[in-house]
N, C-alpha and C. Protein backbone atom coordinates (compact mmCIF):
# COMPACT_ATOMS: atom_id res chain seq x y z
N MET A 1 120.89 92.95 115.78
CA MET A 1 121.57 93.73 116.79
C MET A 1 122.61 94.60 116.10
N SER A 2 122.51 95.90 116.23
CA SER A 2 123.49 96.82 115.67
C SER A 2 124.58 97.11 116.67
N LYS A 3 125.76 97.37 116.15
CA LYS A 3 126.89 97.75 116.99
C LYS A 3 127.34 99.14 116.59
N THR A 4 127.73 99.92 117.56
CA THR A 4 128.30 101.22 117.24
C THR A 4 129.74 101.02 116.84
N ILE A 5 130.32 101.98 116.15
CA ILE A 5 131.71 101.86 115.73
C ILE A 5 132.62 101.71 116.95
N GLY A 6 132.23 102.26 118.09
CA GLY A 6 133.01 102.11 119.30
C GLY A 6 133.03 100.67 119.79
N GLU A 7 131.96 99.92 119.52
CA GLU A 7 131.91 98.52 119.93
C GLU A 7 132.66 97.61 118.97
N LEU A 8 132.81 98.04 117.70
CA LEU A 8 133.53 97.26 116.71
C LEU A 8 135.00 97.65 116.75
N THR A 9 135.72 97.05 117.66
CA THR A 9 137.13 97.35 117.81
C THR A 9 137.94 96.11 117.44
N ALA A 10 139.24 96.28 117.27
CA ALA A 10 140.10 95.13 116.98
C ALA A 10 139.95 94.07 118.07
N ALA A 11 139.68 94.48 119.30
CA ALA A 11 139.53 93.52 120.39
C ALA A 11 138.26 92.68 120.25
N SER A 12 137.21 93.23 119.60
CA SER A 12 135.96 92.49 119.47
C SER A 12 135.94 91.59 118.25
N VAL A 13 136.93 91.70 117.38
CA VAL A 13 137.06 90.84 116.22
C VAL A 13 138.23 89.90 116.50
N PRO A 14 137.98 88.58 116.68
CA PRO A 14 139.04 87.68 117.13
C PRO A 14 140.08 87.35 116.06
N VAL A 15 140.83 88.34 115.64
CA VAL A 15 141.93 88.20 114.69
C VAL A 15 143.07 89.04 115.25
N PRO A 16 144.31 88.54 115.24
CA PRO A 16 145.41 89.33 115.78
C PRO A 16 145.53 90.69 115.10
N ASP A 17 145.81 91.75 115.89
CA ASP A 17 145.96 93.10 115.33
C ASP A 17 147.02 93.17 114.25
N ASP A 18 148.05 92.32 114.32
CA ASP A 18 149.13 92.40 113.36
C ASP A 18 148.86 91.61 112.09
N SER A 19 147.68 90.99 111.97
CA SER A 19 147.33 90.29 110.74
C SER A 19 147.11 91.33 109.65
N LEU A 20 147.84 91.18 108.54
CA LEU A 20 147.68 92.12 107.44
C LEU A 20 146.74 91.54 106.40
N LEU A 21 145.82 92.35 105.94
CA LEU A 21 144.88 91.96 104.91
C LEU A 21 145.13 92.81 103.67
N GLU A 22 145.03 92.20 102.51
CA GLU A 22 145.16 92.94 101.25
C GLU A 22 143.80 93.56 100.97
N VAL A 23 143.75 94.87 100.82
CA VAL A 23 142.51 95.60 100.63
C VAL A 23 142.58 96.34 99.31
N GLU A 24 141.52 96.22 98.49
CA GLU A 24 141.46 96.97 97.24
C GLU A 24 140.12 97.68 97.17
N VAL A 25 140.19 98.99 97.08
CA VAL A 25 139.00 99.81 96.93
C VAL A 25 139.26 100.81 95.82
N SER A 26 138.36 100.88 94.87
CA SER A 26 138.47 101.79 93.73
C SER A 26 139.81 101.66 93.02
N GLY A 27 140.27 100.43 92.86
CA GLY A 27 141.49 100.17 92.11
C GLY A 27 142.79 100.38 92.87
N VAL A 28 142.73 100.80 94.13
CA VAL A 28 143.93 101.03 94.93
C VAL A 28 144.10 99.84 95.88
N SER A 29 145.29 99.20 95.83
CA SER A 29 145.55 98.03 96.65
C SER A 29 146.62 98.33 97.69
N LYS A 30 146.37 97.93 98.94
CA LYS A 30 147.37 98.09 99.99
C LYS A 30 147.09 97.11 101.11
N GLN A 31 148.09 96.91 101.98
CA GLN A 31 147.91 96.04 103.13
C GLN A 31 147.58 96.89 104.35
N MET A 32 146.59 96.42 105.12
CA MET A 32 146.17 97.13 106.32
C MET A 32 145.94 96.12 107.43
N SER A 33 146.16 96.54 108.67
CA SER A 33 145.85 95.69 109.82
C SER A 33 144.37 95.85 110.16
N ILE A 34 143.84 94.91 110.93
CA ILE A 34 142.46 95.01 111.39
C ILE A 34 142.27 96.31 112.17
N ALA A 35 143.22 96.62 113.03
CA ALA A 35 143.11 97.84 113.83
C ALA A 35 143.05 99.08 112.93
N ASP A 36 143.87 99.12 111.86
CA ASP A 36 143.84 100.25 110.93
C ASP A 36 142.48 100.35 110.24
N LEU A 37 141.96 99.20 109.81
CA LEU A 37 140.67 99.21 109.12
C LEU A 37 139.56 99.73 110.02
N LEU A 38 139.57 99.32 111.29
CA LEU A 38 138.51 99.73 112.20
C LEU A 38 138.67 101.17 112.69
N SER A 39 139.82 101.78 112.42
CA SER A 39 140.01 103.16 112.84
C SER A 39 139.61 104.16 111.75
N ILE A 40 139.22 103.65 110.58
CA ILE A 40 138.79 104.53 109.49
C ILE A 40 137.52 105.27 109.92
N THR A 41 137.47 106.56 109.67
CA THR A 41 136.28 107.33 110.02
C THR A 41 135.34 107.39 108.83
N GLY A 42 134.17 107.92 109.02
CA GLY A 42 133.20 108.05 107.94
C GLY A 42 132.27 106.85 107.86
N THR A 43 131.93 106.26 108.98
CA THR A 43 131.03 105.11 108.99
C THR A 43 129.65 105.54 108.54
N VAL A 44 129.11 104.82 107.57
CA VAL A 44 127.77 105.09 107.06
C VAL A 44 126.76 104.17 107.74
N GLU A 45 127.15 102.92 107.93
CA GLU A 45 126.22 101.92 108.47
C GLU A 45 127.03 100.79 109.10
N GLN A 46 126.52 100.23 110.18
CA GLN A 46 127.10 99.03 110.76
C GLN A 46 126.00 98.26 111.44
N GLY A 47 126.20 96.96 111.57
CA GLY A 47 125.20 96.15 112.23
C GLY A 47 125.55 94.69 112.18
N SER A 48 124.59 93.87 112.55
CA SER A 48 124.79 92.43 112.53
C SER A 48 123.47 91.75 112.22
N ASN A 49 123.57 90.53 111.73
CA ASN A 49 122.41 89.67 111.53
C ASN A 49 122.88 88.23 111.75
N SER A 50 122.07 87.27 111.42
CA SER A 50 122.43 85.87 111.70
C SER A 50 123.65 85.41 110.92
N ASN A 51 124.07 86.15 109.89
CA ASN A 51 125.25 85.77 109.11
C ASN A 51 126.55 86.37 109.62
N GLY A 52 126.49 87.45 110.41
CA GLY A 52 127.71 88.06 110.92
C GLY A 52 127.54 89.55 111.16
N ILE A 53 128.69 90.27 111.15
CA ILE A 53 128.66 91.72 111.35
C ILE A 53 129.23 92.42 110.13
N TRP A 54 128.85 93.69 109.95
CA TRP A 54 129.37 94.48 108.84
C TRP A 54 129.55 95.92 109.25
N VAL A 55 130.46 96.58 108.52
CA VAL A 55 130.65 98.02 108.66
C VAL A 55 130.79 98.57 107.24
N ARG A 56 130.05 99.61 106.94
CA ARG A 56 130.15 100.29 105.65
C ARG A 56 130.67 101.71 105.89
N PHE A 57 131.65 102.11 105.09
CA PHE A 57 132.27 103.42 105.23
C PHE A 57 131.89 104.32 104.06
N SER A 58 131.96 105.63 104.28
CA SER A 58 131.59 106.60 103.25
C SER A 58 132.49 106.50 102.02
N SER A 59 133.68 105.94 102.16
CA SER A 59 134.60 105.77 101.03
C SER A 59 134.13 104.68 100.08
N GLY A 60 133.13 103.89 100.47
CA GLY A 60 132.66 102.77 99.66
C GLY A 60 133.21 101.43 100.13
N LEU A 61 134.09 101.46 101.15
CA LEU A 61 134.67 100.25 101.71
C LEU A 61 133.65 99.56 102.62
N GLN A 62 133.58 98.24 102.53
CA GLN A 62 132.73 97.44 103.41
C GLN A 62 133.58 96.32 103.99
N ILE A 63 133.40 96.06 105.29
CA ILE A 63 134.07 94.95 105.97
C ILE A 63 133.00 94.06 106.57
N CYS A 64 133.07 92.75 106.30
CA CYS A 64 132.15 91.79 106.89
C CYS A 64 132.96 90.74 107.64
N TYR A 65 132.47 90.34 108.81
CA TYR A 65 133.10 89.27 109.59
C TYR A 65 132.03 88.22 109.86
N MET A 66 132.36 86.96 109.58
CA MET A 66 131.44 85.87 109.79
C MET A 66 132.14 84.76 110.57
N ARG A 67 131.40 84.07 111.45
CA ARG A 67 131.92 82.90 112.18
C ARG A 67 130.80 81.88 112.25
N THR A 68 131.09 80.66 111.83
CA THR A 68 130.08 79.62 111.81
C THR A 68 130.68 78.29 112.22
N ALA A 69 129.87 77.44 112.82
CA ALA A 69 130.30 76.09 113.18
C ALA A 69 130.02 75.17 112.00
N VAL A 70 131.01 74.34 111.67
CA VAL A 70 130.89 73.41 110.55
C VAL A 70 131.25 72.02 111.05
N SER A 71 130.38 71.05 110.79
CA SER A 71 130.71 69.66 111.10
C SER A 71 131.30 69.05 109.84
N ALA A 72 132.50 68.49 109.95
CA ALA A 72 133.16 67.94 108.77
C ALA A 72 133.97 66.70 109.11
N THR A 73 134.02 65.77 108.16
CA THR A 73 134.92 64.63 108.23
C THR A 73 136.07 64.94 107.31
N ILE A 74 137.28 64.83 107.82
CA ILE A 74 138.47 65.14 107.02
C ILE A 74 139.20 63.82 106.81
N ASP A 75 138.87 63.15 105.68
CA ASP A 75 139.46 61.83 105.44
C ASP A 75 139.81 61.55 103.99
N ASP A 76 139.71 62.54 103.11
CA ASP A 76 140.10 62.36 101.71
C ASP A 76 141.60 62.65 101.58
N ALA A 77 142.39 61.62 101.20
CA ALA A 77 143.84 61.80 101.07
C ALA A 77 144.14 62.84 100.00
N TRP A 78 145.06 63.76 100.31
CA TRP A 78 145.46 64.84 99.40
C TRP A 78 146.95 65.04 99.62
N GLY A 79 147.76 64.39 98.79
CA GLY A 79 149.20 64.41 99.02
C GLY A 79 149.49 63.72 100.34
N GLY A 80 150.27 64.34 101.20
CA GLY A 80 150.58 63.79 102.51
C GLY A 80 149.63 64.24 103.60
N THR A 81 148.51 64.88 103.20
CA THR A 81 147.53 65.38 104.17
C THR A 81 146.15 64.87 103.81
N TYR A 82 145.14 65.36 104.52
CA TYR A 82 143.75 64.98 104.28
C TYR A 82 142.89 66.22 104.19
N ILE A 83 141.83 66.14 103.36
CA ILE A 83 140.89 67.25 103.25
C ILE A 83 139.46 66.72 103.38
N SER A 84 138.55 67.64 103.66
CA SER A 84 137.12 67.33 103.75
C SER A 84 136.50 67.37 102.36
N ASP A 85 135.23 67.03 102.28
CA ASP A 85 134.46 67.29 101.07
C ASP A 85 134.31 68.81 100.97
N LEU A 86 133.92 69.30 99.80
CA LEU A 86 133.71 70.73 99.60
C LEU A 86 132.61 71.23 100.54
N ILE A 87 132.91 72.31 101.25
CA ILE A 87 131.96 72.94 102.17
C ILE A 87 131.39 74.18 101.49
N THR A 88 130.09 74.35 101.55
CA THR A 88 129.42 75.48 100.92
C THR A 88 129.94 76.80 101.47
N GLY A 89 130.05 77.80 100.60
CA GLY A 89 130.51 79.12 101.02
C GLY A 89 129.64 79.74 102.10
N ILE A 90 130.19 80.71 102.79
CA ILE A 90 129.52 81.38 103.90
C ILE A 90 128.88 82.67 103.38
N THR A 91 127.60 82.87 103.68
CA THR A 91 126.87 84.06 103.21
C THR A 91 127.30 85.29 104.00
N TYR A 92 127.57 86.39 103.27
CA TYR A 92 127.94 87.65 103.93
C TYR A 92 126.71 88.25 104.60
N PRO A 93 126.89 89.00 105.67
CA PRO A 93 125.75 89.66 106.31
C PRO A 93 125.19 90.79 105.45
N LYS A 94 125.98 91.36 104.56
CA LYS A 94 125.54 92.37 103.58
C LYS A 94 126.27 92.08 102.28
N ALA A 95 125.58 92.21 101.16
CA ALA A 95 126.19 91.95 99.85
C ALA A 95 127.18 93.05 99.49
N PHE A 96 128.15 92.69 98.67
CA PHE A 96 129.12 93.64 98.11
C PHE A 96 128.66 94.02 96.71
N SER A 97 129.24 95.08 96.14
CA SER A 97 128.91 95.47 94.77
C SER A 97 129.88 94.86 93.77
N ALA A 98 131.02 94.35 94.24
CA ALA A 98 132.02 93.67 93.42
C ALA A 98 132.64 92.58 94.28
N LEU A 99 133.33 91.63 93.67
CA LEU A 99 133.95 90.56 94.44
C LEU A 99 134.92 91.12 95.48
N PRO A 100 134.75 90.77 96.74
CA PRO A 100 135.65 91.27 97.80
C PRO A 100 136.89 90.39 97.94
N SER A 101 137.87 90.87 98.70
CA SER A 101 139.01 90.06 99.14
C SER A 101 138.55 89.33 100.39
N VAL A 102 138.85 88.03 100.46
CA VAL A 102 138.33 87.22 101.56
C VAL A 102 139.44 86.39 102.19
N SER A 103 139.41 86.29 103.50
CA SER A 103 140.30 85.40 104.24
C SER A 103 139.42 84.46 105.06
N ILE A 104 139.65 83.15 104.90
CA ILE A 104 138.87 82.13 105.63
C ILE A 104 139.84 81.30 106.45
N PHE A 105 139.54 81.10 107.72
CA PHE A 105 140.40 80.30 108.58
C PHE A 105 139.55 79.48 109.53
N SER A 106 140.13 78.37 110.02
CA SER A 106 139.35 77.46 110.89
C SER A 106 140.07 77.19 112.19
N VAL A 107 139.27 76.88 113.20
CA VAL A 107 139.78 76.49 114.52
C VAL A 107 138.93 75.32 114.98
N HIS A 108 139.57 74.24 115.42
CA HIS A 108 138.83 73.09 115.93
C HIS A 108 138.35 73.41 117.34
N GLU A 109 137.23 72.81 117.74
CA GLU A 109 136.70 73.07 119.09
C GLU A 109 137.68 72.61 120.17
N ASN A 110 138.57 71.68 119.85
CA ASN A 110 139.60 71.22 120.77
C ASN A 110 140.92 71.86 120.33
N ALA A 111 141.49 72.71 121.13
CA ALA A 111 142.65 73.52 120.75
C ALA A 111 143.86 72.70 120.31
N ASP A 112 143.96 71.42 120.68
CA ASP A 112 145.14 70.64 120.30
C ASP A 112 144.99 69.96 118.93
N VAL A 113 143.92 70.25 118.20
CA VAL A 113 143.70 69.66 116.89
C VAL A 113 143.90 70.75 115.84
N ALA A 114 145.00 70.68 115.09
CA ALA A 114 145.30 71.69 114.07
C ALA A 114 144.49 71.43 112.80
N SER A 115 144.02 72.49 112.18
CA SER A 115 143.32 72.39 110.90
C SER A 115 143.56 73.67 110.12
N TRP A 116 143.26 73.64 108.84
CA TRP A 116 143.40 74.83 108.00
C TRP A 116 142.35 74.78 106.90
N THR A 117 142.19 75.86 106.20
CA THR A 117 141.24 75.90 105.09
C THR A 117 142.01 75.87 103.77
N VAL A 118 141.38 75.27 102.78
CA VAL A 118 141.94 75.18 101.43
C VAL A 118 140.91 75.78 100.50
N GLY A 119 141.33 76.73 99.66
CA GLY A 119 140.41 77.39 98.74
C GLY A 119 139.69 76.42 97.85
N GLY A 120 138.50 76.80 97.45
CA GLY A 120 137.68 75.93 96.61
C GLY A 120 137.20 76.67 95.38
N VAL A 121 135.93 76.60 95.13
CA VAL A 121 135.34 77.22 93.95
C VAL A 121 135.14 78.71 94.16
N SER A 122 134.87 79.44 93.08
CA SER A 122 134.75 80.90 93.13
C SER A 122 133.63 81.37 94.04
N GLY A 123 133.88 82.52 94.68
CA GLY A 123 132.87 83.15 95.51
C GLY A 123 132.02 84.11 94.68
N SER A 124 131.21 84.89 95.37
CA SER A 124 130.34 85.84 94.69
C SER A 124 130.25 87.11 95.53
N ILE A 125 129.37 88.02 95.15
CA ILE A 125 129.19 89.24 95.92
C ILE A 125 128.31 89.00 97.15
N THR A 126 127.74 87.78 97.28
CA THR A 126 126.87 87.47 98.42
C THR A 126 127.41 86.37 99.33
N ALA A 127 128.46 85.65 98.91
CA ALA A 127 129.00 84.56 99.74
C ALA A 127 130.46 84.27 99.39
N THR A 128 131.19 83.72 100.37
CA THR A 128 132.57 83.31 100.12
C THR A 128 132.57 82.15 99.13
N SER A 129 133.74 81.79 98.67
CA SER A 129 133.86 80.59 97.84
C SER A 129 133.60 79.37 98.71
N GLY A 130 133.29 78.26 98.07
CA GLY A 130 133.26 77.00 98.80
C GLY A 130 134.70 76.71 99.19
N PHE A 131 134.92 75.88 100.19
CA PHE A 131 136.27 75.61 100.67
C PHE A 131 136.35 74.22 101.26
N TYR A 132 137.56 73.78 101.52
CA TYR A 132 137.82 72.50 102.15
C TYR A 132 138.53 72.75 103.48
N LEU A 133 138.34 71.85 104.43
CA LEU A 133 139.13 71.86 105.66
C LEU A 133 140.23 70.82 105.49
N GLY A 134 141.43 71.13 105.97
CA GLY A 134 142.55 70.21 105.84
C GLY A 134 143.19 69.91 107.18
N ARG A 135 143.85 68.73 107.26
CA ARG A 135 144.56 68.31 108.47
C ARG A 135 145.71 67.41 108.05
N GLY A 136 146.64 67.20 108.96
CA GLY A 136 147.75 66.29 108.72
C GLY A 136 147.37 64.83 108.88
N THR A 137 146.29 64.56 109.64
CA THR A 137 145.79 63.19 109.83
C THR A 137 144.30 63.19 109.57
N SER A 138 143.76 62.02 109.24
CA SER A 138 142.31 61.96 108.97
C SER A 138 141.55 62.06 110.28
N ARG A 139 140.31 62.50 110.18
CA ARG A 139 139.49 62.73 111.38
C ARG A 139 138.03 62.50 111.00
N THR A 140 137.27 61.82 111.85
CA THR A 140 135.85 61.64 111.59
C THR A 140 135.10 62.93 111.89
N ALA A 141 133.81 62.93 111.68
CA ALA A 141 132.99 64.15 111.82
C ALA A 141 133.20 64.83 113.16
N GLU A 142 133.64 66.07 113.09
CA GLU A 142 133.85 66.89 114.28
C GLU A 142 133.47 68.32 113.94
N THR A 143 133.37 69.15 114.97
CA THR A 143 133.00 70.54 114.78
C THR A 143 134.23 71.42 114.65
N TYR A 144 134.22 72.26 113.62
CA TYR A 144 135.27 73.25 113.39
C TYR A 144 134.58 74.61 113.33
N TYR A 145 135.24 75.63 113.85
CA TYR A 145 134.70 76.97 113.78
C TYR A 145 135.42 77.70 112.67
N VAL A 146 134.67 78.10 111.67
CA VAL A 146 135.24 78.74 110.49
C VAL A 146 134.90 80.22 110.55
N SER A 147 135.94 81.04 110.51
CA SER A 147 135.77 82.49 110.51
C SER A 147 136.24 83.04 109.18
N SER A 148 135.63 84.11 108.75
CA SER A 148 136.08 84.75 107.52
C SER A 148 135.86 86.25 107.62
N ILE A 149 136.76 86.95 106.95
CA ILE A 149 136.68 88.40 106.84
C ILE A 149 136.67 88.73 105.37
N ALA A 150 135.71 89.54 104.95
CA ALA A 150 135.62 89.96 103.55
C ALA A 150 135.71 91.49 103.52
N ILE A 151 136.52 92.00 102.61
CA ILE A 151 136.72 93.45 102.50
C ILE A 151 136.59 93.80 101.03
N GLY A 152 135.73 94.78 100.74
CA GLY A 152 135.53 95.20 99.37
C GLY A 152 134.64 96.42 99.28
N GLU A 153 134.04 96.61 98.11
CA GLU A 153 133.19 97.78 97.85
C GLU A 153 131.72 97.46 98.03
N TRP A 154 130.99 98.42 98.56
CA TRP A 154 129.54 98.25 98.69
C TRP A 154 128.79 99.23 97.81
N ALA A 155 129.43 100.26 97.36
CA ALA A 155 128.73 101.29 96.56
C ALA A 155 129.25 101.32 95.14
């Protein structure tokens, strides 16, 4: 299912507009909001597949958004908190030409259960790094929704 740039708005990507992401394209690094990124003109291609959605811009910038359900047990003691076993990285809907900047975050299916992601092993141009889910208390197998945004070069 393809989306037009008009359909890919900050409102359709469930991340607060004021969230700043570090973006690096062609050696230039700056912070941009989701709304700023989606207002860039010069769209070359956009669409979606079973892995998520993507937008490619004529500047060489690519943005991918992925959301997946993960069943995890969070019971390995880590300092004063608990983490899950390593979870396999999430495949991008379109590959990048160089390692992108990635943000991974989690939400439990029950809003009163707080969780977070902890970085893991290195990612690639086709998938995020592996990662861990963390909590303040241990928890048996439950469903967490893991979202990630990757921003980088496609050309």
